[in-house]
PDB file of N, CA and C in Angstrom:
ATOM      1  N   MET A   1       0.842  -1.176   0.000  1.00  0.00           N
ATOM      2  CA  MET A   1       0.000   0.000   0.000  1.00  0.00           C
ATOM      3  C   MET A   1       0.888   1.239   0.000  1.00  0.00           C
ATOM      4  N   ASN A   2       0.447   2.278  -0.685  1.00  0.00           N
ATOM      5  CA  ASN A   2       1.231   3.497  -0.843  1.00  0.00           C
ATOM      6  C   ASN A   2       0.818   4.543   0.184  1.00  0.00           C
ATOM      7  N   ILE A   3       1.781   5.260   0.699  1.00  0.00           N
ATOM      8  CA  ILE A   3       1.536   6.288   1.704  1.00  0.00           C
ATOM      9  C   ILE A   3       0.641   7.398   1.161  1.00  0.00           C
ATOM     10  N   ASN A   4       0.686   7.638  -0.141  1.00  0.00           N
ATOM     11  CA  ASN A   4      -0.129   8.690  -0.753  1.00  0.00           C
ATOM     12  C   ASN A   4      -1.614   8.366  -0.757  1.00  0.00           C
ATOM     13  N   GLU A   5      -1.977   7.139  -0.442  1.00  0.00           N
ATOM     14  CA  GLU A   5      -3.383   6.741  -0.387  1.00  0.00           C
ATOM     15  C   GLU A   5      -4.017   7.041   0.971  1.00  0.00           C
ATOM     16  N   LEU A   6      -3.212   7.451   1.939  1.00  0.00           N
ATOM     17  CA  LEU A   6      -3.719   7.707   3.285  1.00  0.00           C
ATOM     18  C   LEU A   6      -4.349   9.087   3.405  1.00  0.00           C
ATOM     19  N   HIS A   7      -5.317   9.181   4.306  1.00  0.00           N
ATOM     20  CA  HIS A   7      -5.944  10.449   4.671  1.00  0.00           C
ATOM     21  C   HIS A   7      -5.956  10.531   6.184  1.00  0.00           C
ATOM     22  N   PHE A   8      -5.894  11.738   6.709  1.00  0.00           N
ATOM     23  CA  PHE A   8      -5.906  11.926   8.151  1.00  0.00           C
ATOM     24  C   PHE A   8      -7.327  11.715   8.680  1.00  0.00           C
ATOM     25  N   THR A   9      -7.445  10.998   9.781  1.00  0.00           N
ATOM     26  CA  THR A   9      -8.729  10.720  10.412  1.00  0.00           C
ATOM     27  C   THR A   9      -8.833  11.525  11.697  1.00  0.00           C
ATOM     28  N   THR A  10      -9.906  12.297  11.833  1.00  0.00           N
ATOM     29  CA  THR A  10     -10.097  13.059  13.063  1.00  0.00           C
ATOM     30  C   THR A  10     -10.745  12.180  14.128  1.00  0.00           C
ATOM     31  N   GLY A  11     -10.596  12.584  15.363  1.00  0.00           N
ATOM     32  CA  GLY A  11     -11.160  11.815  16.469  1.00  0.00           C
ATOM     33  C   GLY A  11     -10.151  10.828  17.016  1.00  0.00           C
ATOM     34  N   ASP A  12     -10.550  10.161  18.079  1.00  0.00           N
ATOM     35  CA  ASP A  12      -9.656   9.200  18.731  1.00  0.00           C
ATOM     36  C   ASP A  12      -9.557   7.903  17.937  1.00  0.00           C
ATOM     37  N   ILE A  13      -8.332   7.492  17.669  1.00  0.00           N
ATOM     38  CA  ILE A  13      -8.060   6.190  17.060  1.00  0.00           C
ATOM     39  C   ILE A  13      -7.541   5.305  18.180  1.00  0.00           C
ATOM     40  N   THR A  14      -8.152   4.156  18.361  1.00  0.00           N
ATOM     41  CA  THR A  14      -7.792   3.313  19.504  1.00  0.00           C
ATOM     42  C   THR A  14      -7.019   2.062  19.114  1.00  0.00           C
ATOM     43  N   GLU A  15      -6.846   1.831  17.819  1.00  0.00           N
ATOM     44  CA  GLU A  15      -6.106   0.642  17.394  1.00  0.00           C
ATOM     45  C   GLU A  15      -4.923   1.033  16.525  1.00  0.00           C
ATOM     46  N   SER A  16      -3.786   0.427  16.831  1.00  0.00           N
ATOM     47  CA  SER A  16      -2.596   0.681  16.026  1.00  0.00           C
ATOM     48  C   SER A  16      -2.668  -0.119  14.723  1.00  0.00           C
ATOM     49  N   VAL A  17      -1.794   0.244  13.804  1.00  0.00           N
ATOM     50  CA  VAL A  17      -1.742  -0.407  12.498  1.00  0.00           C
ATOM     51  C   VAL A  17      -1.234  -1.844  12.658  1.00  0.00           C
ATOM     52  N   ASP A  18      -1.841  -2.754  11.936  1.00  0.00           N
ATOM     53  CA  ASP A  18      -1.409  -4.144  11.901  1.00  0.00           C
ATOM     54  C   ASP A  18       0.055  -4.198  11.449  1.00  0.00           C
ATOM     55  N   PRO A  19       0.895  -5.013  12.111  1.00  0.00           N
ATOM     56  CA  PRO A  19       2.323  -5.063  11.763  1.00  0.00           C
ATOM     57  C   PRO A  19       2.609  -5.348  10.290  1.00  0.00           C
ATOM     58  N   ALA A  20       1.838  -6.211   9.664  1.00  0.00           N
ATOM     59  CA  ALA A  20       2.068  -6.514   8.241  1.00  0.00           C
ATOM     60  C   ALA A  20       1.766  -5.296   7.379  1.00  0.00           C
ATOM     61  N   LEU A  21       0.699  -4.592   7.704  1.00  0.00           N
ATOM     62  CA  LEU A  21       0.342  -3.375   6.971  1.00  0.00           C
ATOM     63  C   LEU A  21       1.383  -2.281   7.221  1.00  0.00           C
ATOM     64  N   LEU A  22       1.883  -2.199   8.441  1.00  0.00           N
ATOM     65  CA  LEU A  22       2.937  -1.237   8.766  1.00  0.00           C
ATOM     66  C   LEU A  22       4.174  -1.492   7.906  1.00  0.00           C
ATOM     67  N   ASP A  23       4.552  -2.741   7.768  1.00  0.00           N
ATOM     68  CA  ASP A  23       5.698  -3.093   6.920  1.00  0.00           C
ATOM     69  C   ASP A  23       5.478  -2.640   5.477  1.00  0.00           C
ATOM     70  N   ASP A  24       4.248  -2.817   4.983  1.00  0.00           N
ATOM     71  CA  ASP A  24       3.927  -2.372   3.622  1.00  0.00           C
ATOM     72  C   ASP A  24       4.094  -0.862   3.486  1.00  0.00           C
ATOM     73  N   PHE A  25       3.566  -0.119   4.448  1.00  0.00           N
ATOM     74  CA  PHE A  25       3.668   1.337   4.400  1.00  0.00           C
ATOM     75  C   PHE A  25       5.107   1.812   4.511  1.00  0.00           C
ATOM     76  N   LEU A  26       5.899   1.121   5.302  1.00  0.00           N
ATOM     77  CA  LEU A  26       7.290   1.532   5.475  1.00  0.00           C
ATOM     78  C   LEU A  26       8.088   1.436   4.177  1.00  0.00           C
ATOM     79  N   GLN A  27       7.605   0.666   3.220  1.00  0.00           N
ATOM     80  CA  GLN A  27       8.237   0.625   1.901  1.00  0.00           C
ATOM     81  C   GLN A  27       8.144   1.999   1.227  1.00  0.00           C
ATOM     82  N   SER A  28       7.070   2.740   1.540  1.00  0.00           N
ATOM     83  CA  SER A  28       6.883   4.085   0.992  1.00  0.00           C
ATOM     84  C   SER A  28       7.569   5.158   1.838  1.00  0.00           C
ATOM     85  N   LEU A  29       8.072   4.760   3.009  1.00  0.00           N
ATOM     86  CA  LEU A  29       8.739   5.687   3.928  1.00  0.00           C
ATOM     87  C   LEU A  29      10.110   5.126   4.304  1.00  0.00           C
ATOM     88  N   PRO A  30      11.010   4.981   3.334  1.00  0.00           N
ATOM     89  CA  PRO A  30      12.265   4.266   3.593  1.00  0.00           C
ATOM     90  C   PRO A  30      13.190   4.918   4.618  1.00  0.00           C
ATOM     91  N   SER A  31      13.025   6.205   4.881  1.00  0.00           N
ATOM     92  CA  SER A  31      13.899   6.876   5.847  1.00  0.00           C
ATOM     93  C   SER A  31      13.393   6.766   7.281  1.00  0.00           C
ATOM     94  N   TRP A  32      12.207   6.200   7.462  1.00  0.00           N
ATOM     95  CA  TRP A  32      11.601   6.069   8.785  1.00  0.00           C
ATOM     96  C   TRP A  32      11.865   4.674   9.337  1.00  0.00           C
ATOM     97  N   ARG A  33      11.919   4.579  10.663  1.00  0.00           N
ATOM     98  CA  ARG A  33      12.098   3.293  11.328  1.00  0.00           C
ATOM     99  C   ARG A  33      11.132   3.192  12.501  1.00  0.00           C
ATOM    100  N   VAL A  34      10.858   1.983  12.891  1.00  0.00           N
ATOM    101  CA  VAL A  34      10.022   1.742  14.071  1.00  0.00           C
ATOM    102  C   VAL A  34      10.956   1.583  15.261  1.00  0.00           C
ATOM    103  N   SER A  35      10.636   2.285  16.335  1.00  0.00           N
ATOM    104  CA  SER A  35      11.444   2.244  17.541  1.00  0.00           C
ATOM    105  C   SER A  35      10.509   2.102  18.734  1.00  0.00           C
ATOM    106  N   GLY A  36      11.087   1.825  19.881  1.00  0.00           N
ATOM    107  CA  GLY A  36      10.294   1.749  21.102  1.00  0.00           C
ATOM    108  C   GLY A  36      10.213   0.340  21.639  1.00  0.00           C
ATOM    109  N   VAL A  37      10.151   0.243  22.955  1.00  0.00           N
ATOM    110  CA  VAL A  37      10.081  -1.054  23.611  1.00  0.00           C
ATOM    111  C   VAL A  37       8.630  -1.396  23.949  1.00  0.00           C
ATOM    112  N   SER A  38       8.011  -0.612  24.788  1.00  0.00           N
ATOM    113  CA  SER A  38       6.634  -0.917  25.171  1.00  0.00           C
ATOM    114  C   SER A  38       5.613  -0.289  24.226  1.00  0.00           C
ATOM    115  N   ILE A  39       5.965   0.847  23.620  1.00  0.00           N
ATOM    116  CA  ILE A  39       5.087   1.511  22.661  1.00  0.00           C
ATOM    117  C   ILE A  39       5.887   1.782  21.391  1.00  0.00           C
ATOM    118  N   ALA A  40       5.391   1.287  20.264  1.00  0.00           N
ATOM    119  CA  ALA A  40       6.064   1.499  18.986  1.00  0.00           C
ATOM    120  C   ALA A  40       5.897   2.951  18.557  1.00  0.00           C
ATOM    121  N   THR A  41       6.985   3.533  18.069  1.00  0.00           N
ATOM    122  CA  THR A  41       6.963   4.886  17.525  1.00  0.00           C
ATOM    123  C   THR A  41       7.615   4.872  16.146  1.00  0.00           C
ATOM    124  N   LEU A  42       7.222   5.818  15.327  1.00  0.00           N
ATOM    125  CA  LEU A  42       7.760   5.978  13.984  1.00  0.00           C
ATOM    126  C   LEU A  42       8.768   7.127  14.046  1.00  0.00           C
ATOM    127  N   VAL A  43      10.033   6.866  13.701  1.00  0.00           N
ATOM    128  CA  VAL A  43      11.111   7.822  13.941  1.00  0.00           C
ATOM    129  C   VAL A  43      11.917   8.082  12.671  1.00  0.00           C
ATOM    130  N   ARG A  44      12.283   9.349  12.503  1.00  0.00           N
ATOM    131  CA  ARG A  44      13.197   9.720  11.418  1.00  0.00           C
ATOM    132  C   ARG A  44      14.097  10.855  11.890  1.00  0.00           C
ATOM    133  N   ASP A  45      15.349  10.812  11.453  1.00  0.00           N
ATOM    134  CA  ASP A  45      16.299  11.895  11.669  1.00  0.00           C
ATOM    135  C   ASP A  45      16.433  12.681  10.370  1.00  0.00           C
ATOM    136  N   PHE A  46      16.158  13.979  10.431  1.00  0.00           N
ATOM    137  CA  PHE A  46      16.318  14.871   9.289  1.00  0.00           C
ATOM    138  C   PHE A  46      17.618  15.636   9.471  1.00  0.00           C
ATOM    139  N   LYS A  47      18.450  15.664   8.444  1.00  0.00           N
ATOM    140  CA  LYS A  47      19.776  16.289   8.511  1.00  0.00           C
ATOM    141  C   LYS A  47      19.756  17.694   7.899  1.00  0.00           C
ATOM    142  N   PHE A  48      20.500  18.594   8.561  1.00  0.00           N
ATOM    143  CA  PHE A  48      20.593  19.987   8.120  1.00  0.00           C
ATOM    144  C   PHE A  48      22.026  20.487   8.233  1.00  0.00           C
ATOM    145  N   ARG A  49      22.280  21.633   7.631  1.00  0.00           N
ATOM    146  CA  ARG A  49      23.623  22.218   7.673  1.00  0.00           C
ATOM    147  C   ARG A  49      23.999  22.716   9.058  1.00  0.00           C
ATOM    148  N   ASN A  50      22.998  23.154   9.831  1.00  0.00           N
ATOM    149  CA  ASN A  50      23.299  23.759  11.126  1.00  0.00           C
ATOM    150  C   ASN A  50      22.069  23.726  12.036  1.00  0.00           C
ATOM    151  N   PHE A  51      22.219  24.267  13.214  1.00  0.00           N
ATOM    152  CA  PHE A  51      21.146  24.279  14.204  1.00  0.00           C
ATOM    153  C   PHE A  51      19.969  25.140  13.748  1.00  0.00           C
ATOM    154  N   VAL A  52      20.267  26.293  13.159  1.00  0.00           N
ATOM    155  CA  VAL A  52      19.217  27.221  12.725  1.00  0.00           C
ATOM    156  C   VAL A  52      18.311  26.565  11.683  1.00  0.00           C
ATOM    157  N   ASP A  53      18.889  25.852  10.723  1.00  0.00           N
ATOM    158  CA  ASP A  53      18.086  25.173   9.703  1.00  0.00           C
ATOM    159  C   ASP A  53      17.243  24.056  10.319  1.00  0.00           C
ATOM    160  N   ALA A  54      17.809  23.331  11.261  1.00  0.00           N
ATOM    161  CA  ALA A  54      17.045  22.275  11.954  1.00  0.00           C
ATOM    162  C   ALA A  54      15.881  22.884  12.717  1.00  0.00           C
ATOM    163  N   MET A  55      16.120  23.997  13.376  1.00  0.00           N
ATOM    164  CA  MET A  55      15.075  24.679  14.138  1.00  0.00           C
ATOM    165  C   MET A  55      13.973  25.205  13.222  1.00  0.00           C
ATOM    166  N   ALA A  56      14.360  25.744  12.073  1.00  0.00           N
ATOM    167  CA  ALA A  56      13.371  26.257  11.117  1.00  0.00           C
ATOM    168  C   ALA A  56      12.467  25.128  10.619  1.00  0.00           C
ATOM    169  N   PHE A  57      13.050  23.960  10.346  1.00  0.00           N
ATOM    170  CA  PHE A  57      12.228  22.836   9.896  1.00  0.00           C
ATOM    171  C   PHE A  57      11.337  22.344  11.033  1.00  0.00           C
ATOM    172  N   ALA A  58      11.825  22.387  12.259  1.00  0.00           N
ATOM    173  CA  ALA A  58      10.992  22.026  13.413  1.00  0.00           C
ATOM    174  C   ALA A  58       9.759  22.924  13.470  1.00  0.00           C
ATOM    175  N   GLU A  59       9.928  24.191  13.166  1.00  0.00           N
ATOM    176  CA  GLU A  59       8.790  25.109  13.132  1.00  0.00           C
ATOM    177  C   GLU A  59       7.805  24.729  12.038  1.00  0.00           C
ATOM    178  N   ASP A  60       8.313  24.248  10.895  1.00  0.00           N
ATOM    179  CA  ASP A  60       7.423  23.764   9.827  1.00  0.00           C
ATOM    180  C   ASP A  60       6.610  22.560  10.308  1.00  0.00           C
ATOM    181  N   ILE A  61       7.267  21.650  11.034  1.00  0.00           N
ATOM    182  CA  ILE A  61       6.578  20.472  11.564  1.00  0.00           C
ATOM    183  C   ILE A  61       5.540  20.899  12.598  1.00  0.00           C
ATOM    184  N   CYS A  62       5.867  21.911  13.394  1.00  0.00           N
ATOM    185  CA  CYS A  62       4.904  22.434  14.370  1.00  0.00           C
ATOM    186  C   CYS A  62       3.644  22.944  13.674  1.00  0.00           C
ATOM    187  N   SER A  63       3.818  23.624  12.557  1.00  0.00           N
ATOM    188  CA  SER A  63       2.663  24.123  11.801  1.00  0.00           C
ATOM    189  C   SER A  63       1.802  22.974  11.290  1.00  0.00           C
ATOM    190  N   LEU A  64       2.458  21.935  10.769  1.00  0.00           N
ATOM    191  CA  LEU A  64       1.709  20.744  10.334  1.00  0.00           C
ATOM    192  C   LEU A  64       0.956  20.111  11.498  1.00  0.00           C
ATOM    193  N   ALA A  65       1.642  19.990  12.621  1.00  0.00           N
ATOM    194  CA  ALA A  65       1.037  19.366  13.801  1.00  0.00           C
ATOM    195  C   ALA A  65      -0.197  20.141  14.250  1.00  0.00           C
ATOM    196  N   GLU A  66      -0.106  21.446  14.241  1.00  0.00           N
ATOM    197  CA  GLU A  66      -1.249  22.269  14.632  1.00  0.00           C
ATOM    198  C   GLU A  66      -2.389  22.149  13.623  1.00  0.00           C
ATOM    199  N   GLN A  67      -2.037  22.083  12.354  1.00  0.00           N
ATOM    200  CA  GLN A  67      -3.054  21.961  11.308  1.00  0.00           C
ATOM    201  C   GLN A  67      -3.901  20.708  11.502  1.00  0.00           C
ATOM    202  N   TYR A  68      -3.257  19.599  11.884  1.00  0.00           N
ATOM    203  CA  TYR A  68      -3.957  18.322  12.033  1.00  0.00           C
ATOM    204  C   TYR A  68      -4.270  17.981  13.484  1.00  0.00           C
ATOM    205  N   ASN A  69      -3.847  18.835  14.414  1.00  0.00           N
ATOM    206  CA  ASN A  69      -4.034  18.571  15.841  1.00  0.00           C
ATOM    207  C   ASN A  69      -3.479  17.195  16.230  1.00  0.00           C
ATOM    208  N   HIS A  70      -2.285  16.925  15.728  1.00  0.00           N
ATOM    209  CA  HIS A  70      -1.588  15.666  16.010  1.00  0.00           C
ATOM    210  C   HIS A  70      -0.119  16.034  16.152  1.00  0.00           C
ATOM    211  N   HIS A  71       0.455  15.792  17.319  1.00  0.00           N
ATOM    212  CA  HIS A  71       1.739  16.393  17.658  1.00  0.00           C
ATOM    213  C   HIS A  71       2.816  15.346  17.907  1.00  0.00           C
ATOM    214  N   PRO A  72       3.986  15.520  17.283  1.00  0.00           N
ATOM    215  CA  PRO A  72       5.092  14.576  17.448  1.00  0.00           C
ATOM    216  C   PRO A  72       5.980  14.952  18.624  1.00  0.00           C
ATOM    217  N   GLU A  73       6.894  14.078  18.900  1.00  0.00           N
ATOM    218  CA  GLU A  73       8.008  14.419  19.781  1.00  0.00           C
ATOM    219  C   GLU A  73       9.139  14.885  18.881  1.00  0.00           C
ATOM    220  N   LEU A  74       9.732  16.023  19.225  1.00  0.00           N
ATOM    221  CA  LEU A  74      10.826  16.582  18.440  1.00  0.00           C
ATOM    222  C   LEU A  74      12.076  16.667  19.305  1.00  0.00           C
ATOM    223  N   LYS A  75      13.204  16.272  18.731  1.00  0.00           N
ATOM    224  CA  LYS A  75      14.487  16.398  19.405  1.00  0.00           C
ATOM    225  C   LYS A  75      15.437  17.103  18.442  1.00  0.00           C
ATOM    226  N   ILE A  76      15.896  18.286  18.856  1.00  0.00           N
ATOM    227  CA  ILE A  76      16.730  19.107  17.988  1.00  0.00           C
ATOM    228  C   ILE A  76      18.151  19.145  18.540  1.00  0.00           C
ATOM    229  N   THR A  77      19.114  18.803  17.697  1.00  0.00           N
ATOM    230  CA  THR A  77      20.523  18.953  18.009  1.00  0.00           C
ATOM    231  C   THR A  77      21.174  19.642  16.811  1.00  0.00           C
ATOM    232  N   TYR A  78      22.446  19.957  16.917  1.00  0.00           N
ATOM    233  CA  TYR A  78      23.120  20.662  15.833  1.00  0.00           C
ATOM    234  C   TYR A  78      23.007  19.859  14.528  1.00  0.00           C
ATOM    235  N   GLY A  79      22.337  20.444  13.538  1.00  0.00           N
ATOM    236  CA  GLY A  79      22.234  19.822  12.225  1.00  0.00           C
ATOM    237  C   GLY A  79      21.307  18.625  12.145  1.00  0.00           C
ATOM    238  N   ASN A  80      20.503  18.399  13.177  1.00  0.00           N
ATOM    239  CA  ASN A  80      19.632  17.219  13.180  1.00  0.00           C
ATOM    240  C   ASN A  80      18.305  17.526  13.879  1.00  0.00           C
ATOM    241  N   LEU A  81      17.242  17.043  13.276  1.00  0.00           N
ATOM    242  CA  LEU A  81      15.924  17.080  13.901  1.00  0.00           C
ATOM    243  C   LEU A  81      15.378  15.661  13.882  1.00  0.00           C
ATOM    244  N   GLN A  82      15.144  15.098  15.055  1.00  0.00           N
ATOM    245  CA  GLN A  82      14.541  13.771  15.150  1.00  0.00           C
ATOM    246  C   GLN A  82      13.050  13.953  15.425  1.00  0.00           C
ATOM    247  N   VAL A  83      12.235  13.328  14.588  1.00  0.00           N
ATOM    248  CA  VAL A  83      10.785  13.409  14.709  1.00  0.00           C
ATOM    249  C   VAL A  83      10.262  12.013  15.032  1.00  0.00           C
ATOM    250  N   SER A  84       9.406  11.927  16.055  1.00  0.00           N
ATOM    251  CA  SER A  84       8.795  10.654  16.457  1.00  0.00           C
ATOM    252  C   SER A  84       7.282  10.821  16.483  1.00  0.00           C
ATOM    253  N   TRP A  85       6.611   9.924  15.773  1.00  0.00           N
ATOM    254  CA  TRP A  85       5.146   9.926  15.734  1.00  0.00           C
ATOM    255  C   TRP A  85       4.605   8.660  16.385  1.00  0.00           C
ATOM    256  N   TRP A  86       3.553   8.790  17.163  1.00  0.00           N
ATOM    257  CA  TRP A  86       2.747   7.683  17.667  1.00  0.00           C
ATOM    258  C   TRP A  86       1.457   8.272  18.192  1.00  0.00           C
ATOM    259  N   THR A  87       0.486   7.439  18.407  1.00  0.00           N
ATOM    260  CA  THR A  87      -0.822   7.891  18.867  1.00  0.00           C
ATOM    261  C   THR A  87      -1.064   7.355  20.269  1.00  0.00           C
ATOM    262  N   HIS A  88      -1.247   8.264  21.210  1.00  0.00           N
ATOM    263  CA  HIS A  88      -1.427   7.890  22.618  1.00  0.00           C
ATOM    264  C   HIS A  88      -2.647   6.998  22.827  1.00  0.00           C
ATOM    265  N   THR A  89      -3.763   7.338  22.170  1.00  0.00           N
ATOM    266  CA  THR A  89      -4.998   6.579  22.386  1.00  0.00           C
ATOM    267  C   THR A  89      -4.912   5.154  21.852  1.00  0.00           C
ATOM    268  N   ALA A  90      -3.979   4.904  20.940  1.00  0.00           N
ATOM    269  CA  ALA A  90      -3.796   3.558  20.384  1.00  0.00           C
ATOM    270  C   ALA A  90      -2.570   2.870  20.978  1.00  0.00           C
ATOM    271  N   SER A  91      -1.809   3.604  21.770  1.00  0.00           N
ATOM    272  CA  SER A  91      -0.549   3.090  22.337  1.00  0.00           C
ATOM    273  C   SER A  91       0.354   2.506  21.258  1.00  0.00           C
ATOM    274  N   GLY A  92       0.457   3.210  20.150  1.00  0.00           N
ATOM    275  CA  GLY A  92       1.308   2.742  19.067  1.00  0.00           C
ATOM    276  C   GLY A  92       1.139   3.579  17.809  1.00  0.00           C
ATOM    277  N   ILE A  93       1.544   3.021  16.700  1.00  0.00           N
ATOM    278  CA  ILE A  93       1.529   3.704  15.407  1.00  0.00           C
ATOM    279  C   ILE A  93       0.191   3.465  14.709  1.00  0.00           C
ATOM    280  N   THR A  94      -0.422   4.566  14.249  1.00  0.00           N
ATOM    281  CA  THR A  94      -1.687   4.483  13.522  1.00  0.00           C
ATOM    282  C   THR A  94      -1.502   5.029  12.105  1.00  0.00           C
ATOM    283  N   THR A  95      -2.552   4.936  11.315  1.00  0.00           N
ATOM    284  CA  THR A  95      -2.489   5.493   9.964  1.00  0.00           C
ATOM    285  C   THR A  95      -2.268   7.002  10.003  1.00  0.00           C
ATOM    286  N   ASN A  96      -2.741   7.684  11.054  1.00  0.00           N
ATOM    287  CA  ASN A  96      -2.476   9.123  11.171  1.00  0.00           C
ATOM    288  C   ASN A  96      -0.988   9.397  11.318  1.00  0.00           C
ATOM    289  N   ASP A  97      -0.282   8.548  12.039  1.00  0.00           N
ATOM    290  CA  ASP A  97       1.162   8.723  12.202  1.00  0.00           C
ATOM    291  C   ASP A  97       1.880   8.507  10.872  1.00  0.00           C
ATOM    292  N   LEU A  98       1.445   7.520  10.133  1.00  0.00           N
ATOM    293  CA  LEU A  98       2.019   7.266   8.808  1.00  0.00           C
ATOM    294  C   LEU A  98       1.740   8.440   7.875  1.00  0.00           C
ATOM    295  N   PHE A  99       0.523   8.959   7.932  1.00  0.00           N
ATOM    296  CA  PHE A  99       0.161  10.130   7.123  1.00  0.00           C
ATOM    297  C   PHE A  99       1.058  11.311   7.470  1.00  0.00           C
ATOM    298  N   MET A 100       1.245  11.559   8.774  1.00  0.00           N
ATOM    299  CA  MET A 100       2.070  12.688   9.201  1.00  0.00           C
ATOM    300  C   MET A 100       3.539  12.490   8.815  1.00  0.00           C
ATOM    301  N   ALA A 101       4.024  11.259   8.860  1.00  0.00           N
ATOM    302  CA  ALA A 101       5.391  10.978   8.411  1.00  0.00           C
ATOM    303  C   ALA A 101       5.529  11.334   6.928  1.00  0.00           C
ATOM    304  N   GLY A 102       4.525  10.980   6.145  1.00  0.00           N
ATOM    305  CA  GLY A 102       4.531  11.334   4.726  1.00  0.00           C
ATOM    306  C   GLY A 102       4.518  12.842   4.519  1.00  0.00           C
ATOM    307  N   GLN A 103       3.760  13.558   5.348  1.00  0.00           N
ATOM    308  CA  GLN A 103       3.727  15.018   5.272  1.00  0.00           C
ATOM    309  C   GLN A 103       5.097  15.610   5.608  1.00  0.00           C
ATOM    310  N   CYS A 104       5.761  15.037   6.601  1.00  0.00           N
ATOM    311  CA  CYS A 104       7.118  15.483   6.966  1.00  0.00           C
ATOM    312  C   CYS A 104       8.084  15.271   5.809  1.00  0.00           C
ATOM    313  N   ASP A 105       8.019  14.105   5.185  1.00  0.00           N
ATOM    314  CA  ASP A 105       8.894  13.813   4.046  1.00  0.00           C
ATOM    315  C   ASP A 105       8.666  14.809   2.911  1.00  0.00           C
ATOM    316  N   GLN A 106       7.402  15.112   2.659  1.00  0.00           N
ATOM    317  CA  GLN A 106       7.074  16.054   1.592  1.00  0.00           C
ATOM    318  C   GLN A 106       7.607  17.452   1.932  1.00  0.00           C
ATOM    319  N   ALA A 107       7.445  17.881   3.174  1.00  0.00           N
ATOM    320  CA  ALA A 107       7.956  19.193   3.592  1.00  0.00           C
ATOM    321  C   ALA A 107       9.477  19.241   3.483  1.00  0.00           C
ATOM    322  N   TYR A 108      10.132  18.146   3.841  1.00  0.00           N
ATOM    323  CA  TYR A 108      11.603  18.081   3.768  1.00  0.00           C
ATOM    324  C   TYR A 108      12.072  18.138   2.314  1.00  0.00           C
ATOM    325  N   ALA A 109      11.373  17.441   1.438  1.00  0.00           N
ATOM    326  CA  ALA A 109      11.718  17.475   0.012  1.00  0.00           C
ATOM    327  C   ALA A 109      11.541  18.892  -0.536  1.00  0.00           C
ATOM    328  N   ASN A 110      10.462  19.562  -0.130  1.00  0.00           N
ATOM    329  CA  ASN A 110      10.237  20.946  -0.560  1.00  0.00           C
ATOM    330  C   ASN A 110      11.318  21.868  -0.009  1.00  0.00           C
ATOM    331  N   GLU A 111      11.737  21.643   1.225  1.00  0.00           N
ATOM    332  CA  GLU A 111      12.805  22.416   1.849  1.00  0.00           C
ATOM    333  C   GLU A 111      14.100  22.277   1.063  1.00  0.00           C
ATOM    334  N   ARG A 112      14.404  21.053   0.659  1.00  0.00           N
ATOM    335  CA  ARG A 112      15.627  20.782  -0.087  1.00  0.00           C
ATOM    336  C   ARG A 112      15.581  21.402  -1.483  1.00  0.00           C
ATOM    337  N   ASP A 113      14.374  21.449  -2.086  1.00  0.00           N
ATOM    338  CA  ASP A 113      14.237  22.027  -3.416  1.00  0.00           C
ATOM    339  C   ASP A 113      14.473  23.539  -3.415  1.00  0.00           C
ATOM    340  N   THR A 114      14.194  24.191  -2.274  1.00  0.00           N
ATOM    341  CA  THR A 114      14.314  25.643  -2.219  1.00  0.00           C
ATOM    342  C   THR A 114      15.639  26.112  -1.620  1.00  0.00           C
ATOM    343  N   SER A 115      16.463  25.189  -1.099  1.00  0.00           N
ATOM    344  CA  SER A 115      17.730  25.638  -0.499  1.00  0.00           C
ATOM    345  C   SER A 115      18.909  25.401  -1.403  1.00  0.00           C
TER     346      SER A 115
END
């Protein structure tokens, strides 16, 4: 299944994505990995030239998060922004997290095209 086929679902999602389906989606998100011991999270490190560029992209992700009312964990270090998505109500990764990962990838590609 392709990540571009996903749509964001409003409201509480209580079930995480089936592991086999998650594997299929990850084919469309090759830079993302599943992490976590008790709760699975979807994680990617975005690379930048410096801290300021990483911070600026974090602000772009914040705008996306506010638009969809779905918020990631962000970790910013020099030249790196780590983004982690998961859904609290499902205690794991949902289709909304996959959708948001795709939105992040698209924003990053647009960022690279303009720099």
